[in-house]
N, C-alpha and C. Protein backbone atom coordinates (compact mmCIF):
# COMPACT_ATOMS: atom_id res chain seq x y z
N MET A 1 -80.40 43.14 11.45
CA MET A 1 -80.33 41.94 10.64
C MET A 1 -79.32 42.12 9.51
N VAL A 2 -79.39 43.26 8.84
CA VAL A 2 -78.50 43.52 7.71
C VAL A 2 -77.06 43.62 8.20
N TYR A 3 -76.86 44.27 9.35
CA TYR A 3 -75.51 44.41 9.88
C TYR A 3 -74.92 43.06 10.27
N LYS A 4 -75.76 42.20 10.81
CA LYS A 4 -75.31 40.87 11.20
C LYS A 4 -74.87 40.07 9.98
N LEU A 5 -75.64 40.13 8.92
CA LEU A 5 -75.29 39.44 7.69
C LEU A 5 -74.03 40.02 7.08
N LEU A 6 -73.90 41.33 7.09
CA LEU A 6 -72.70 41.98 6.57
C LEU A 6 -71.47 41.57 7.38
N PHE A 7 -71.62 41.49 8.70
CA PHE A 7 -70.52 41.04 9.55
C PHE A 7 -70.09 39.62 9.19
N LEU A 8 -71.06 38.73 9.00
CA LEU A 8 -70.74 37.35 8.66
C LEU A 8 -70.04 37.26 7.31
N LEU A 9 -70.48 38.05 6.36
CA LEU A 9 -69.86 38.00 5.03
C LEU A 9 -68.45 38.56 5.03
N VAL A 10 -68.19 39.57 5.84
CA VAL A 10 -66.88 40.21 5.84
C VAL A 10 -65.87 39.42 6.66
N PHE A 11 -66.26 38.98 7.85
CA PHE A 11 -65.28 38.43 8.78
C PHE A 11 -65.19 36.91 8.80
N MET A 12 -66.10 36.21 8.19
CA MET A 12 -66.00 34.76 8.20
C MET A 12 -65.44 34.28 6.87
N THR A 13 -64.57 33.30 6.96
CA THR A 13 -63.96 32.75 5.76
C THR A 13 -64.93 31.81 5.07
N PRO A 14 -64.71 31.55 3.78
CA PRO A 14 -65.66 30.71 3.03
C PRO A 14 -65.86 29.32 3.62
N TYR A 15 -64.81 28.70 4.15
CA TYR A 15 -65.03 27.36 4.70
C TYR A 15 -65.89 27.40 5.95
N ASP A 16 -65.92 28.52 6.67
CA ASP A 16 -66.81 28.64 7.81
C ASP A 16 -68.27 28.70 7.35
N LEU A 17 -68.50 29.44 6.29
CA LEU A 17 -69.87 29.64 5.81
C LEU A 17 -70.44 28.38 5.18
N GLN A 18 -69.67 27.72 4.35
CA GLN A 18 -70.22 26.59 3.60
C GLN A 18 -70.36 25.33 4.42
N TYR A 19 -69.38 25.03 5.26
CA TYR A 19 -69.37 23.73 5.93
C TYR A 19 -69.52 23.82 7.44
N GLY A 20 -69.67 25.00 7.98
CA GLY A 20 -69.85 25.15 9.41
C GLY A 20 -68.63 24.77 10.23
N LEU A 21 -67.45 24.93 9.67
CA LEU A 21 -66.21 24.59 10.38
C LEU A 21 -65.84 25.71 11.33
N GLU A 22 -65.32 25.33 12.49
CA GLU A 22 -64.90 26.30 13.48
C GLU A 22 -63.43 26.66 13.27
N GLN A 23 -63.05 27.83 13.76
CA GLN A 23 -61.64 28.16 13.79
C GLN A 23 -60.96 27.21 14.77
N ILE A 24 -59.73 26.88 14.51
CA ILE A 24 -59.00 25.96 15.38
C ILE A 24 -58.49 26.73 16.58
N GLU A 25 -58.88 26.29 17.77
CA GLU A 25 -58.45 26.91 19.03
C GLU A 25 -57.56 25.92 19.76
N CYS A 26 -56.46 26.41 20.27
CA CYS A 26 -55.52 25.55 20.99
C CYS A 26 -55.41 25.97 22.44
N PRO A 27 -55.35 25.00 23.33
CA PRO A 27 -55.09 25.35 24.73
C PRO A 27 -53.63 25.72 24.91
N ARG A 28 -53.34 26.43 25.97
CA ARG A 28 -51.95 26.74 26.31
C ARG A 28 -51.54 25.81 27.43
N TRP A 29 -50.69 24.86 27.09
CA TRP A 29 -50.27 23.85 28.06
C TRP A 29 -49.10 24.35 28.89
N ALA A 30 -49.02 23.83 30.11
CA ALA A 30 -47.86 24.09 30.96
C ALA A 30 -46.68 23.33 30.38
N PRO A 31 -45.48 23.89 30.45
CA PRO A 31 -44.31 23.21 29.89
C PRO A 31 -44.09 21.85 30.54
N GLY A 32 -43.95 20.84 29.71
CA GLY A 32 -43.65 19.50 30.18
C GLY A 32 -44.81 18.77 30.84
N GLY A 33 -46.03 19.22 30.64
CA GLY A 33 -47.17 18.56 31.27
C GLY A 33 -48.42 18.72 30.45
N ASN A 34 -49.51 18.21 30.99
CA ASN A 34 -50.81 18.29 30.31
C ASN A 34 -51.75 19.28 30.95
N GLU A 35 -51.27 20.05 31.92
CA GLU A 35 -52.11 21.04 32.57
C GLU A 35 -52.32 22.23 31.65
N ILE A 36 -53.52 22.76 31.63
CA ILE A 36 -53.82 23.93 30.81
C ILE A 36 -53.62 25.17 31.66
N LEU A 37 -52.88 26.12 31.11
CA LEU A 37 -52.55 27.34 31.85
C LEU A 37 -53.72 28.31 31.88
N PRO A 38 -53.85 29.08 32.95
CA PRO A 38 -54.86 30.15 32.97
C PRO A 38 -54.47 31.27 32.01
N THR A 39 -55.42 32.12 31.70
CA THR A 39 -55.19 33.16 30.70
C THR A 39 -54.22 34.23 31.16
N ASN A 40 -54.05 34.42 32.47
CA ASN A 40 -53.17 35.49 32.94
C ASN A 40 -51.70 35.08 33.00
N VAL A 41 -51.36 33.84 32.65
CA VAL A 41 -49.97 33.38 32.65
C VAL A 41 -49.39 33.60 31.26
N THR A 42 -48.21 34.21 31.22
CA THR A 42 -47.55 34.43 29.93
C THR A 42 -46.39 33.46 29.78
N LEU A 43 -46.12 33.10 28.56
CA LEU A 43 -45.03 32.18 28.23
C LEU A 43 -43.92 32.94 27.52
N SER A 44 -42.71 32.44 27.65
CA SER A 44 -41.59 33.02 26.90
C SER A 44 -41.79 32.70 25.43
N PRO A 45 -41.13 33.44 24.52
CA PRO A 45 -41.28 33.15 23.08
C PRO A 45 -40.93 31.70 22.72
N GLN A 46 -39.91 31.15 23.36
CA GLN A 46 -39.52 29.77 23.08
C GLN A 46 -40.63 28.80 23.51
N LEU A 47 -41.21 29.02 24.67
CA LEU A 47 -42.28 28.16 25.14
C LEU A 47 -43.55 28.34 24.31
N GLN A 48 -43.79 29.56 23.82
CA GLN A 48 -44.94 29.78 22.93
C GLN A 48 -44.77 28.98 21.64
N LEU A 49 -43.55 28.96 21.11
CA LEU A 49 -43.29 28.19 19.89
C LEU A 49 -43.46 26.70 20.15
N GLN A 50 -42.95 26.21 21.27
CA GLN A 50 -43.13 24.80 21.62
C GLN A 50 -44.61 24.47 21.79
N ASN A 51 -45.35 25.37 22.40
CA ASN A 51 -46.78 25.17 22.58
C ASN A 51 -47.50 25.13 21.24
N ALA A 52 -47.11 26.01 20.32
CA ALA A 52 -47.73 26.03 18.99
C ALA A 52 -47.40 24.75 18.22
N MET A 53 -46.18 24.26 18.34
CA MET A 53 -45.81 23.01 17.66
C MET A 53 -46.59 21.83 18.25
N ARG A 54 -46.73 21.81 19.55
CA ARG A 54 -47.51 20.74 20.18
C ARG A 54 -48.96 20.81 19.72
N CYS A 55 -49.49 22.01 19.63
CA CYS A 55 -50.86 22.19 19.18
C CYS A 55 -51.02 21.71 17.74
N TYR A 56 -50.04 22.03 16.90
CA TYR A 56 -50.10 21.59 15.50
C TYR A 56 -50.16 20.07 15.43
N CYS A 57 -49.30 19.41 16.19
CA CYS A 57 -49.23 17.96 16.13
C CYS A 57 -50.45 17.28 16.75
N GLN A 58 -50.94 17.81 17.86
CA GLN A 58 -52.00 17.13 18.60
C GLN A 58 -53.40 17.62 18.27
N VAL A 59 -53.54 18.87 17.89
CA VAL A 59 -54.89 19.42 17.69
C VAL A 59 -55.17 19.70 16.22
N VAL A 60 -54.28 20.45 15.57
CA VAL A 60 -54.55 20.93 14.21
C VAL A 60 -54.63 19.78 13.21
N LYS A 61 -53.64 18.88 13.24
CA LYS A 61 -53.66 17.76 12.30
C LYS A 61 -54.83 16.81 12.59
N PHE A 62 -55.17 16.66 13.87
CA PHE A 62 -56.33 15.83 14.23
C PHE A 62 -57.60 16.45 13.65
N LYS A 63 -57.74 17.78 13.79
CA LYS A 63 -58.93 18.46 13.25
C LYS A 63 -58.98 18.34 11.72
N GLU A 64 -57.82 18.37 11.08
CA GLU A 64 -57.78 18.23 9.62
C GLU A 64 -58.27 16.84 9.21
N ARG A 65 -57.78 15.79 9.87
CA ARG A 65 -58.22 14.43 9.55
C ARG A 65 -59.71 14.25 9.84
N GLU A 66 -60.17 14.83 10.95
CA GLU A 66 -61.58 14.76 11.30
C GLU A 66 -62.45 15.47 10.26
N CYS A 67 -61.96 16.60 9.78
CA CYS A 67 -62.67 17.38 8.77
C CYS A 67 -62.83 16.57 7.48
N ILE A 68 -61.77 15.91 7.05
CA ILE A 68 -61.82 15.10 5.83
C ILE A 68 -62.75 13.91 6.04
N ARG A 69 -62.69 13.30 7.21
CA ARG A 69 -63.55 12.15 7.52
C ARG A 69 -65.03 12.53 7.50
N ASN A 70 -65.34 13.80 7.82
CA ASN A 70 -66.73 14.26 7.84
C ASN A 70 -67.26 14.62 6.46
N GLY A 71 -66.47 14.42 5.42
CA GLY A 71 -66.94 14.63 4.06
C GLY A 71 -66.70 16.01 3.49
N VAL A 72 -65.96 16.84 4.19
CA VAL A 72 -65.61 18.16 3.66
C VAL A 72 -64.48 17.95 2.65
N PRO A 73 -64.50 18.66 1.52
CA PRO A 73 -63.42 18.48 0.54
C PRO A 73 -62.04 18.71 1.16
N GLU A 74 -61.11 17.87 0.75
CA GLU A 74 -59.77 17.88 1.35
C GLU A 74 -59.09 19.24 1.20
N ARG A 75 -59.27 19.89 0.06
CA ARG A 75 -58.59 21.18 -0.17
C ARG A 75 -59.04 22.24 0.83
N ILE A 76 -60.29 22.16 1.27
CA ILE A 76 -60.80 23.13 2.25
C ILE A 76 -60.21 22.83 3.63
N CYS A 77 -60.13 21.56 3.98
CA CYS A 77 -59.54 21.19 5.27
C CYS A 77 -58.07 21.56 5.32
N VAL A 78 -57.36 21.32 4.23
CA VAL A 78 -55.94 21.65 4.18
C VAL A 78 -55.76 23.17 4.22
N ARG A 79 -56.64 23.91 3.57
CA ARG A 79 -56.54 25.36 3.59
C ARG A 79 -56.75 25.91 5.00
N ARG A 80 -57.67 25.31 5.74
CA ARG A 80 -57.88 25.73 7.13
C ARG A 80 -56.62 25.47 7.96
N THR A 81 -55.98 24.33 7.74
CA THR A 81 -54.73 24.02 8.43
C THR A 81 -53.64 25.01 8.04
N ASN A 82 -53.54 25.30 6.76
CA ASN A 82 -52.52 26.25 6.29
C ASN A 82 -52.76 27.65 6.85
N ASP A 83 -54.01 28.04 6.97
CA ASP A 83 -54.33 29.34 7.58
C ASP A 83 -53.87 29.39 9.04
N TRP A 84 -54.08 28.29 9.76
CA TRP A 84 -53.63 28.24 11.15
C TRP A 84 -52.12 28.35 11.23
N VAL A 85 -51.43 27.64 10.34
CA VAL A 85 -49.95 27.69 10.34
C VAL A 85 -49.48 29.10 10.04
N GLU A 86 -50.08 29.77 9.07
CA GLU A 86 -49.69 31.14 8.74
C GLU A 86 -49.89 32.09 9.92
N GLN A 87 -50.94 31.89 10.68
CA GLN A 87 -51.23 32.78 11.80
C GLN A 87 -50.39 32.48 13.03
N ASN A 88 -50.02 31.21 13.25
CA ASN A 88 -49.41 30.83 14.51
C ASN A 88 -47.96 30.39 14.43
N LEU A 89 -47.48 30.00 13.27
CA LEU A 89 -46.11 29.50 13.17
C LEU A 89 -45.24 30.30 12.21
N LYS A 90 -45.74 31.42 11.75
CA LYS A 90 -44.96 32.22 10.81
C LYS A 90 -43.83 32.92 11.53
N LEU A 91 -42.65 32.92 10.91
CA LEU A 91 -41.50 33.58 11.52
C LEU A 91 -41.66 35.08 11.48
N ASN A 92 -41.10 35.73 12.46
CA ASN A 92 -41.08 37.19 12.49
C ASN A 92 -40.30 37.72 11.29
N GLN A 93 -40.76 38.77 10.67
CA GLN A 93 -40.04 39.34 9.54
C GLN A 93 -38.70 39.93 9.96
N ASN A 94 -38.57 40.31 11.24
CA ASN A 94 -37.31 40.87 11.72
C ASN A 94 -36.21 39.82 11.80
N VAL A 95 -36.60 38.56 11.91
CA VAL A 95 -35.63 37.49 12.05
C VAL A 95 -35.05 37.11 10.69
N ILE A 96 -35.84 37.24 9.65
CA ILE A 96 -35.43 36.77 8.33
C ILE A 96 -34.49 37.79 7.70
N GLN A 97 -33.33 37.31 7.26
CA GLN A 97 -32.37 38.15 6.56
C GLN A 97 -32.42 37.79 5.07
N ASN A 98 -32.26 38.76 4.21
CA ASN A 98 -32.34 38.52 2.78
C ASN A 98 -30.99 38.39 2.12
N ASN A 99 -29.97 37.99 2.87
CA ASN A 99 -28.61 37.84 2.36
C ASN A 99 -28.12 39.12 1.70
N VAL A 100 -28.45 40.22 2.29
CA VAL A 100 -28.04 41.52 1.80
C VAL A 100 -27.00 42.07 2.77
N MET A 101 -25.94 42.64 2.22
CA MET A 101 -24.93 43.23 3.10
C MET A 101 -25.56 44.40 3.83
N MET A 102 -25.43 44.38 5.13
CA MET A 102 -26.00 45.44 5.94
C MET A 102 -24.93 46.46 6.26
N ARG A 103 -25.31 47.72 6.21
CA ARG A 103 -24.37 48.77 6.58
C ARG A 103 -24.24 48.82 8.09
N LEU A 104 -23.03 48.98 8.54
CA LEU A 104 -22.81 49.14 9.96
C LEU A 104 -23.13 50.58 10.35
N PRO A 105 -23.63 50.77 11.54
CA PRO A 105 -23.93 52.14 11.95
C PRO A 105 -22.65 52.94 12.10
N LYS A 106 -22.72 54.24 11.78
CA LYS A 106 -21.57 55.12 11.93
C LYS A 106 -21.41 55.46 13.40
N ARG A 107 -20.18 55.36 13.86
CA ARG A 107 -19.91 55.67 15.26
C ARG A 107 -18.81 56.70 15.34
N ASN A 108 -18.91 57.53 16.32
CA ASN A 108 -17.86 58.50 16.57
C ASN A 108 -16.75 57.82 17.37
N LEU A 109 -15.54 58.11 17.01
CA LEU A 109 -14.40 57.54 17.71
C LEU A 109 -13.67 58.67 18.41
N ILE A 110 -13.57 58.57 19.70
CA ILE A 110 -12.88 59.60 20.48
C ILE A 110 -11.52 59.04 20.88
N ILE A 111 -10.49 59.77 20.52
CA ILE A 111 -9.14 59.33 20.85
C ILE A 111 -8.56 60.32 21.85
N ASN A 112 -8.12 59.81 22.96
CA ASN A 112 -7.47 60.66 23.97
C ASN A 112 -5.97 60.62 23.74
N GLU A 113 -5.38 61.78 23.60
CA GLU A 113 -3.92 61.85 23.45
C GLU A 113 -3.35 62.48 24.71
N TYR A 114 -2.25 61.92 25.19
CA TYR A 114 -1.61 62.47 26.39
C TYR A 114 -0.44 63.32 25.99
């Protein structure tokens, strides 16, 4: 009993505890259709991003409006949406450049003389 309570306190976010809100789950749609893909099918990074954007527009924003309509404070519903965006639409840190001059790698140059 104590372990179960400790698990709930550590791993569940406050909006889950107070208002009984679920984490937002999105289906993985087939490209260009409404069919839901099985779990063993993998998507390319571009298709994953398109799928996440479709999910944001069709599922996440709908859940946010539904949450507000159910009387949950707007800031909590928006925070749940923002958490989903941070987890699913955040850019890779490797892609972001900080406008810093990068050093080119040193290469050996072999010159053949005849």
